[in-house]
PDB file of N, CA and C in Angstrom:
ATOM      1  N   MET A   1    -145.582  88.272 -28.857  1.00  0.00           N
ATOM      2  CA  MET A   1    -144.344  87.544 -29.122  1.00  0.00           C
ATOM      3  C   MET A   1    -144.518  86.754 -30.411  1.00  0.00           C
ATOM      4  N   SER A   2    -143.586  86.913 -31.325  1.00  0.00           N
ATOM      5  CA  SER A   2    -143.618  86.183 -32.584  1.00  0.00           C
ATOM      6  C   SER A   2    -142.976  84.810 -32.390  1.00  0.00           C
ATOM      7  N   LEU A   3    -143.602  83.778 -32.963  1.00  0.00           N
ATOM      8  CA  LEU A   3    -143.055  82.425 -32.862  1.00  0.00           C
ATOM      9  C   LEU A   3    -142.134  82.083 -34.028  1.00  0.00           C
ATOM     10  N   GLY A   4    -141.967  83.028 -34.953  1.00  0.00           N
ATOM     11  CA  GLY A   4    -141.017  82.828 -36.033  1.00  0.00           C
ATOM     12  C   GLY A   4    -141.549  82.078 -37.235  1.00  0.00           C
ATOM     13  N   ASP A   5    -142.795  81.634 -37.184  1.00  0.00           N
ATOM     14  CA  ASP A   5    -143.359  80.910 -38.332  1.00  0.00           C
ATOM     15  C   ASP A   5    -144.677  81.543 -38.792  1.00  0.00           C
ATOM     16  N   GLY A   6    -144.837  82.824 -38.486  1.00  0.00           N
ATOM     17  CA  GLY A   6    -146.044  83.535 -38.896  1.00  0.00           C
ATOM     18  C   GLY A   6    -147.098  83.600 -37.815  1.00  0.00           C
ATOM     19  N   ARG A   7    -146.912  82.863 -36.742  1.00  0.00           N
ATOM     20  CA  ARG A   7    -147.859  82.901 -35.632  1.00  0.00           C
ATOM     21  C   ARG A   7    -147.339  83.820 -34.548  1.00  0.00           C
ATOM     22  N   SER A   8    -148.271  84.316 -33.728  1.00  0.00           N
ATOM     23  CA  SER A   8    -147.909  85.148 -32.585  1.00  0.00           C
ATOM     24  C   SER A   8    -148.551  84.583 -31.339  1.00  0.00           C
ATOM     25  N   LEU A   9    -147.933  84.874 -30.218  1.00  0.00           N
ATOM     26  CA  LEU A   9    -148.438  84.433 -28.927  1.00  0.00           C
ATOM     27  C   LEU A   9    -148.701  85.683 -28.101  1.00  0.00           C
ATOM     28  N   CYS A  10    -149.939  85.835 -27.615  1.00  0.00           N
ATOM     29  CA  CYS A  10    -150.278  87.020 -26.830  1.00  0.00           C
ATOM     30  C   CYS A  10    -149.670  86.914 -25.427  1.00  0.00           C
ATOM     31  N   MET A  11    -149.509  88.049 -24.773  1.00  0.00           N
ATOM     32  CA  MET A  11    -148.895  88.089 -23.441  1.00  0.00           C
ATOM     33  C   MET A  11    -149.727  87.325 -22.413  1.00  0.00           C
ATOM     34  N   GLU A  12    -151.041  87.300 -22.598  1.00  0.00           N
ATOM     35  CA  GLU A  12    -151.918  86.577 -21.676  1.00  0.00           C
ATOM     36  C   GLU A  12    -151.625  85.080 -21.700  1.00  0.00           C
ATOM     37  N   CYS A  13    -151.316  84.548 -22.869  1.00  0.00           N
ATOM     38  CA  CYS A  13    -151.085  83.110 -23.017  1.00  0.00           C
ATOM     39  C   CYS A  13    -149.630  82.709 -22.803  1.00  0.00           C
ATOM     40  N   LEU A  14    -148.725  83.670 -22.824  1.00  0.00           N
ATOM     41  CA  LEU A  14    -147.305  83.371 -22.734  1.00  0.00           C
ATOM     42  C   LEU A  14    -146.947  82.553 -21.497  1.00  0.00           C
ATOM     43  N   GLY A  15    -147.560  82.849 -20.350  1.00  0.00           N
ATOM     44  CA  GLY A  15    -147.240  82.143 -19.115  1.00  0.00           C
ATOM     45  C   GLY A  15    -147.698  80.696 -19.074  1.00  0.00           C
ATOM     46  N   SER A  16    -148.687  80.349 -19.880  1.00  0.00           N
ATOM     47  CA  SER A  16    -149.197  78.980 -19.855  1.00  0.00           C
ATOM     48  C   SER A  16    -148.952  78.235 -21.161  1.00  0.00           C
ATOM     49  N   ALA A  17    -148.261  78.860 -22.097  1.00  0.00           N
ATOM     50  CA  ALA A  17    -148.008  78.222 -23.388  1.00  0.00           C
ATOM     51  C   ALA A  17    -147.052  77.043 -23.228  1.00  0.00           C
ATOM     52  N   VAL A  18    -147.338  75.972 -23.920  1.00  0.00           N
ATOM     53  CA  VAL A  18    -146.478  74.792 -23.939  1.00  0.00           C
ATOM     54  C   VAL A  18    -145.598  74.919 -25.173  1.00  0.00           C
ATOM     55  N   MET A  19    -144.294  74.989 -24.960  1.00  0.00           N
ATOM     56  CA  MET A  19    -143.380  75.272 -26.058  1.00  0.00           C
ATOM     57  C   MET A  19    -142.545  74.081 -26.508  1.00  0.00           C
ATOM     58  N   ASP A  20    -142.549  72.986 -25.765  1.00  0.00           N
ATOM     59  CA  ASP A  20    -141.866  71.785 -26.253  1.00  0.00           C
ATOM     60  C   ASP A  20    -142.617  70.536 -25.796  1.00  0.00           C
ATOM     61  N   THR A  21    -142.331  69.438 -26.461  1.00  0.00           N
ATOM     62  CA  THR A  21    -143.070  68.194 -26.242  1.00  0.00           C
ATOM     63  C   THR A  21    -143.005  67.732 -24.793  1.00  0.00           C
ATOM     64  N   GLY A  22    -141.854  67.874 -24.150  1.00  0.00           N
ATOM     65  CA  GLY A  22    -141.711  67.444 -22.762  1.00  0.00           C
ATOM     66  C   GLY A  22    -142.640  68.180 -21.816  1.00  0.00           C
ATOM     67  N   GLU A  23    -142.930  69.446 -22.117  1.00  0.00           N
ATOM     68  CA  GLU A  23    -143.819  70.237 -21.272  1.00  0.00           C
ATOM     69  C   GLU A  23    -145.272  69.769 -21.347  1.00  0.00           C
ATOM     70  N   CYS A  24    -145.646  69.066 -22.406  1.00  0.00           N
ATOM     71  CA  CYS A  24    -147.048  68.658 -22.532  1.00  0.00           C
ATOM     72  C   CYS A  24    -147.332  67.324 -21.841  1.00  0.00           C
ATOM     73  N   GLN A  25    -146.310  66.621 -21.378  1.00  0.00           N
ATOM     74  CA  GLN A  25    -146.532  65.339 -20.718  1.00  0.00           C
ATOM     75  C   GLN A  25    -147.367  65.455 -19.440  1.00  0.00           C
ATOM     76  N   PRO A  26    -147.108  66.423 -18.559  1.00  0.00           N
ATOM     77  CA  PRO A  26    -147.978  66.553 -17.377  1.00  0.00           C
ATOM     78  C   PRO A  26    -149.437  66.814 -17.741  1.00  0.00           C
ATOM     79  N   LEU A  27    -149.667  67.591 -18.788  1.00  0.00           N
ATOM     80  CA  LEU A  27    -151.028  67.839 -19.253  1.00  0.00           C
ATOM     81  C   LEU A  27    -151.665  66.539 -19.740  1.00  0.00           C
ATOM     82  N   TYR A  28    -150.927  65.769 -20.517  1.00  0.00           N
ATOM     83  CA  TYR A  28    -151.411  64.480 -21.000  1.00  0.00           C
ATOM     84  C   TYR A  28    -151.790  63.571 -19.825  1.00  0.00           C
ATOM     85  N   HIS A  29    -150.918  63.497 -18.816  1.00  0.00           N
ATOM     86  CA  HIS A  29    -151.196  62.637 -17.658  1.00  0.00           C
ATOM     87  C   HIS A  29    -152.412  63.136 -16.875  1.00  0.00           C
ATOM     88  N   SER A  30    -152.568  64.434 -16.779  1.00  0.00           N
ATOM     89  CA  SER A  30    -153.724  65.004 -16.091  1.00  0.00           C
ATOM     90  C   SER A  30    -155.020  64.654 -16.812  1.00  0.00           C
ATOM     91  N   ILE A  31    -155.014  64.750 -18.122  1.00  0.00           N
ATOM     92  CA  ILE A  31    -156.202  64.404 -18.918  1.00  0.00           C
ATOM     93  C   ILE A  31    -156.499  62.917 -18.792  1.00  0.00           C
ATOM     94  N   ARG A  32    -155.456  62.095 -18.867  1.00  0.00           N
ATOM     95  CA  ARG A  32    -155.636  60.649 -18.733  1.00  0.00           C
ATOM     96  C   ARG A  32    -156.215  60.297 -17.361  1.00  0.00           C
ATOM     97  N   ASP A  33    -155.695  60.921 -16.297  1.00  0.00           N
ATOM     98  CA  ASP A  33    -156.196  60.665 -14.948  1.00  0.00           C
ATOM     99  C   ASP A  33    -157.651  61.103 -14.797  1.00  0.00           C
ATOM    100  N   TYR A  34    -158.007  62.218 -15.413  1.00  0.00           N
ATOM    101  CA  TYR A  34    -159.391  62.703 -15.369  1.00  0.00           C
ATOM    102  C   TYR A  34    -160.338  61.655 -15.950  1.00  0.00           C
ATOM    103  N   TYR A  35    -160.001  61.137 -17.132  1.00  0.00           N
ATOM    104  CA  TYR A  35    -160.877  60.140 -17.756  1.00  0.00           C
ATOM    105  C   TYR A  35    -160.880  58.824 -16.986  1.00  0.00           C
ATOM    106  N   GLU A  36    -159.752  58.432 -16.419  1.00  0.00           N
ATOM    107  CA  GLU A  36    -159.721  57.226 -15.606  1.00  0.00           C
ATOM    108  C   GLU A  36    -160.614  57.384 -14.383  1.00  0.00           C
ATOM    109  N   GLY A  37    -160.677  58.607 -13.818  1.00  0.00           N
ATOM    110  CA  GLY A  37    -161.549  58.885 -12.683  1.00  0.00           C
ATOM    111  C   GLY A  37    -163.019  58.782 -13.031  1.00  0.00           C
ATOM    112  N   MET A  38    -163.330  58.875 -14.323  1.00  0.00           N
ATOM    113  CA  MET A  38    -164.714  58.744 -14.793  1.00  0.00           C
ATOM    114  C   MET A  38    -164.970  57.336 -15.342  1.00  0.00           C
ATOM    115  N   ASN A  39    -164.091  56.378 -14.969  1.00  0.00           N
ATOM    116  CA  ASN A  39    -164.161  54.989 -15.439  1.00  0.00           C
ATOM    117  C   ASN A  39    -164.090  54.890 -16.960  1.00  0.00           C
ATOM    118  N   MET A  40    -163.268  55.735 -17.552  1.00  0.00           N
ATOM    119  CA  MET A  40    -163.056  55.723 -19.003  1.00  0.00           C
ATOM    120  C   MET A  40    -161.557  55.591 -19.259  1.00  0.00           C
ATOM    121  N   LYS A  41    -160.976  54.485 -18.795  1.00  0.00           N
ATOM    122  CA  LYS A  41    -159.535  54.280 -18.872  1.00  0.00           C
ATOM    123  C   LYS A  41    -159.075  54.170 -20.328  1.00  0.00           C
ATOM    124  N   LEU A  42    -157.955  54.840 -20.621  1.00  0.00           N
ATOM    125  CA  LEU A  42    -157.335  54.740 -21.933  1.00  0.00           C
ATOM    126  C   LEU A  42    -156.360  53.568 -21.893  1.00  0.00           C
ATOM    127  N   ASP A  43    -156.577  52.593 -22.744  1.00  0.00           N
ATOM    128  CA  ASP A  43    -155.739  51.403 -22.733  1.00  0.00           C
ATOM    129  C   ASP A  43    -154.525  51.501 -23.637  1.00  0.00           C
ATOM    130  N   GLN A  44    -154.340  52.626 -24.269  1.00  0.00           N
ATOM    131  CA  GLN A  44    -153.177  52.774 -25.137  1.00  0.00           C
ATOM    132  C   GLN A  44    -152.524  54.127 -24.930  1.00  0.00           C
ATOM    133  N   GLN A  45    -151.259  54.201 -25.240  1.00  0.00           N
ATOM    134  CA  GLN A  45    -150.511  55.458 -25.162  1.00  0.00           C
ATOM    135  C   GLN A  45    -150.837  56.263 -26.414  1.00  0.00           C
ATOM    136  N   ILE A  46    -151.194  57.516 -26.245  1.00  0.00           N
ATOM    137  CA  ILE A  46    -151.501  58.385 -27.376  1.00  0.00           C
ATOM    138  C   ILE A  46    -150.270  59.232 -27.651  1.00  0.00           C
ATOM    139  N   PRO A  47    -149.689  59.099 -28.849  1.00  0.00           N
ATOM    140  CA  PRO A  47    -148.477  59.858 -29.137  1.00  0.00           C
ATOM    141  C   PRO A  47    -148.778  61.348 -29.286  1.00  0.00           C
ATOM    142  N   MET A  48    -147.896  62.183 -28.728  1.00  0.00           N
ATOM    143  CA  MET A  48    -148.043  63.625 -28.864  1.00  0.00           C
ATOM    144  C   MET A  48    -146.689  64.217 -29.213  1.00  0.00           C
ATOM    145  N   LEU A  49    -146.689  65.121 -30.158  1.00  0.00           N
ATOM    146  CA  LEU A  49    -145.473  65.795 -30.561  1.00  0.00           C
ATOM    147  C   LEU A  49    -145.838  67.208 -30.976  1.00  0.00           C
ATOM    148  N   LEU A  50    -145.177  68.187 -30.412  1.00  0.00           N
ATOM    149  CA  LEU A  50    -145.407  69.573 -30.792  1.00  0.00           C
ATOM    150  C   LEU A  50    -144.535  69.893 -31.995  1.00  0.00           C
ATOM    151  N   VAL A  51    -145.127  70.540 -32.987  1.00  0.00           N
ATOM    152  CA  VAL A  51    -144.399  70.869 -34.200  1.00  0.00           C
ATOM    153  C   VAL A  51    -144.693  72.305 -34.618  1.00  0.00           C
ATOM    154  N   GLU A  52    -143.819  72.858 -35.452  1.00  0.00           N
ATOM    155  CA  GLU A  52    -144.051  74.179 -36.004  1.00  0.00           C
ATOM    156  C   GLU A  52    -145.102  74.101 -37.108  1.00  0.00           C
ATOM    157  N   ARG A  53    -145.616  75.251 -37.486  1.00  0.00           N
ATOM    158  CA  ARG A  53    -146.685  75.337 -38.481  1.00  0.00           C
ATOM    159  C   ARG A  53    -146.314  74.607 -39.781  1.00  0.00           C
ATOM    160  N   GLN A  54    -145.111  74.819 -40.305  1.00  0.00           N
ATOM    161  CA  GLN A  54    -144.723  74.209 -41.583  1.00  0.00           C
ATOM    162  C   GLN A  54    -144.744  72.685 -41.492  1.00  0.00           C
ATOM    163  N   ALA A  55    -144.250  72.121 -40.399  1.00  0.00           N
ATOM    164  CA  ALA A  55    -144.259  70.666 -40.236  1.00  0.00           C
ATOM    165  C   ALA A  55    -145.686  70.146 -40.167  1.00  0.00           C
ATOM    166  N   LEU A  56    -146.575  70.885 -39.503  1.00  0.00           N
ATOM    167  CA  LEU A  56    -147.970  70.474 -39.425  1.00  0.00           C
ATOM    168  C   LEU A  56    -148.617  70.530 -40.804  1.00  0.00           C
ATOM    169  N   ASN A  57    -148.356  71.593 -41.552  1.00  0.00           N
ATOM    170  CA  ASN A  57    -148.920  71.708 -42.897  1.00  0.00           C
ATOM    171  C   ASN A  57    -148.447  70.576 -43.794  1.00  0.00           C
ATOM    172  N   GLU A  58    -147.163  70.256 -43.721  1.00  0.00           N
ATOM    173  CA  GLU A  58    -146.628  69.157 -44.535  1.00  0.00           C
ATOM    174  C   GLU A  58    -147.259  67.830 -44.144  1.00  0.00           C
ATOM    175  N   ALA A  59    -147.446  67.609 -42.865  1.00  0.00           N
ATOM    176  CA  ALA A  59    -148.042  66.360 -42.399  1.00  0.00           C
ATOM    177  C   ALA A  59    -149.502  66.272 -42.822  1.00  0.00           C
ATOM    178  N   MET A  60    -150.199  67.401 -42.791  1.00  0.00           N
ATOM    179  CA  MET A  60    -151.607  67.390 -43.190  1.00  0.00           C
ATOM    180  C   MET A  60    -151.746  67.095 -44.680  1.00  0.00           C
ATOM    181  N   GLU A  61    -150.780  67.527 -45.483  1.00  0.00           N
ATOM    182  CA  GLU A  61    -150.796  67.214 -46.910  1.00  0.00           C
ATOM    183  C   GLU A  61    -150.654  65.713 -47.134  1.00  0.00           C
ATOM    184  N   GLY A  62    -149.885  65.050 -46.302  1.00  0.00           N
ATOM    185  CA  GLY A  62    -149.708  63.599 -46.389  1.00  0.00           C
ATOM    186  C   GLY A  62    -150.504  62.891 -45.319  1.00  0.00           C
ATOM    187  N   GLU A  63    -151.727  63.369 -45.065  1.00  0.00           N
ATOM    188  CA  GLU A  63    -152.545  62.899 -43.944  1.00  0.00           C
ATOM    189  C   GLU A  63    -152.736  61.391 -43.901  1.00  0.00           C
ATOM    190  N   SER A  64    -152.719  60.722 -45.029  1.00  0.00           N
ATOM    191  CA  SER A  64    -152.916  59.274 -45.020  1.00  0.00           C
ATOM    192  C   SER A  64    -151.789  58.559 -44.276  1.00  0.00           C
ATOM    193  N   LYS A  65    -150.646  59.232 -44.114  1.00  0.00           N
ATOM    194  CA  LYS A  65    -149.515  58.633 -43.416  1.00  0.00           C
ATOM    195  C   LYS A  65    -149.543  58.911 -41.916  1.00  0.00           C
ATOM    196  N   VAL A  66    -150.439  59.787 -41.481  1.00  0.00           N
ATOM    197  CA  VAL A  66    -150.471  60.234 -40.092  1.00  0.00           C
ATOM    198  C   VAL A  66    -151.782  59.811 -39.457  1.00  0.00           C
ATOM    199  N   SER A  67    -151.705  59.242 -38.248  1.00  0.00           N
ATOM    200  CA  SER A  67    -152.917  58.734 -37.617  1.00  0.00           C
ATOM    201  C   SER A  67    -153.626  59.766 -36.745  1.00  0.00           C
ATOM    202  N   VAL A  68    -152.900  60.545 -35.931  1.00  0.00           N
ATOM    203  CA  VAL A  68    -153.548  61.446 -34.979  1.00  0.00           C
ATOM    204  C   VAL A  68    -152.757  62.747 -34.876  1.00  0.00           C
ATOM    205  N   PHE A  69    -153.480  63.883 -34.857  1.00  0.00           N
ATOM    206  CA  PHE A  69    -152.871  65.187 -34.596  1.00  0.00           C
ATOM    207  C   PHE A  69    -153.659  65.895 -33.528  1.00  0.00           C
ATOM    208  N   PHE A  70    -152.979  66.556 -32.620  1.00  0.00           N
ATOM    209  CA  PHE A  70    -153.608  67.429 -31.645  1.00  0.00           C
ATOM    210  C   PHE A  70    -152.971  68.799 -31.813  1.00  0.00           C
ATOM    211  N   LEU A  71    -153.797  69.822 -32.001  1.00  0.00           N
ATOM    212  CA  LEU A  71    -153.279  71.180 -32.134  1.00  0.00           C
ATOM    213  C   LEU A  71    -154.136  72.092 -31.282  1.00  0.00           C
ATOM    214  N   LEU A  72    -153.538  72.713 -30.293  1.00  0.00           N
ATOM    215  CA  LEU A  72    -154.227  73.664 -29.445  1.00  0.00           C
ATOM    216  C   LEU A  72    -153.578  75.019 -29.642  1.00  0.00           C
ATOM    217  N   PHE A  73    -154.381  76.033 -29.868  1.00  0.00           N
ATOM    218  CA  PHE A  73    -153.835  77.365 -30.017  1.00  0.00           C
ATOM    219  C   PHE A  73    -154.867  78.409 -29.644  1.00  0.00           C
ATOM    220  N   HIS A  74    -154.365  79.578 -29.359  1.00  0.00           N
ATOM    221  CA  HIS A  74    -155.197  80.739 -29.072  1.00  0.00           C
ATOM    222  C   HIS A  74    -154.870  81.754 -30.132  1.00  0.00           C
ATOM    223  N   ASN A  75    -155.820  82.087 -30.973  1.00  0.00           N
ATOM    224  CA  ASN A  75    -155.585  83.013 -32.077  1.00  0.00           C
ATOM    225  C   ASN A  75    -155.827  84.434 -31.592  1.00  0.00           C
ATOM    226  N   THR A  76    -154.826  85.283 -31.704  1.00  0.00           N
ATOM    227  CA  THR A  76    -154.954  86.660 -31.240  1.00  0.00           C
ATOM    228  C   THR A  76    -155.461  87.562 -32.329  1.00  0.00           C
TER     229      THR A  76
END
């Protein structure tokens, strides 16, 4: 499956791919709960936003303006 920005998503990953920011919130909460269970509580909210490749490239060019990026992908 083509994502329209030069990237592709394989059929194996299609069922578990996170395609919008709202879908990643349960994952974020699961990760936060895991670390809290190990007595490593996160005292701040970590912002997460899913973006297309071009937006990520533009942000990386102006990296001094951006504090944190998370990018997870499976390259086929």
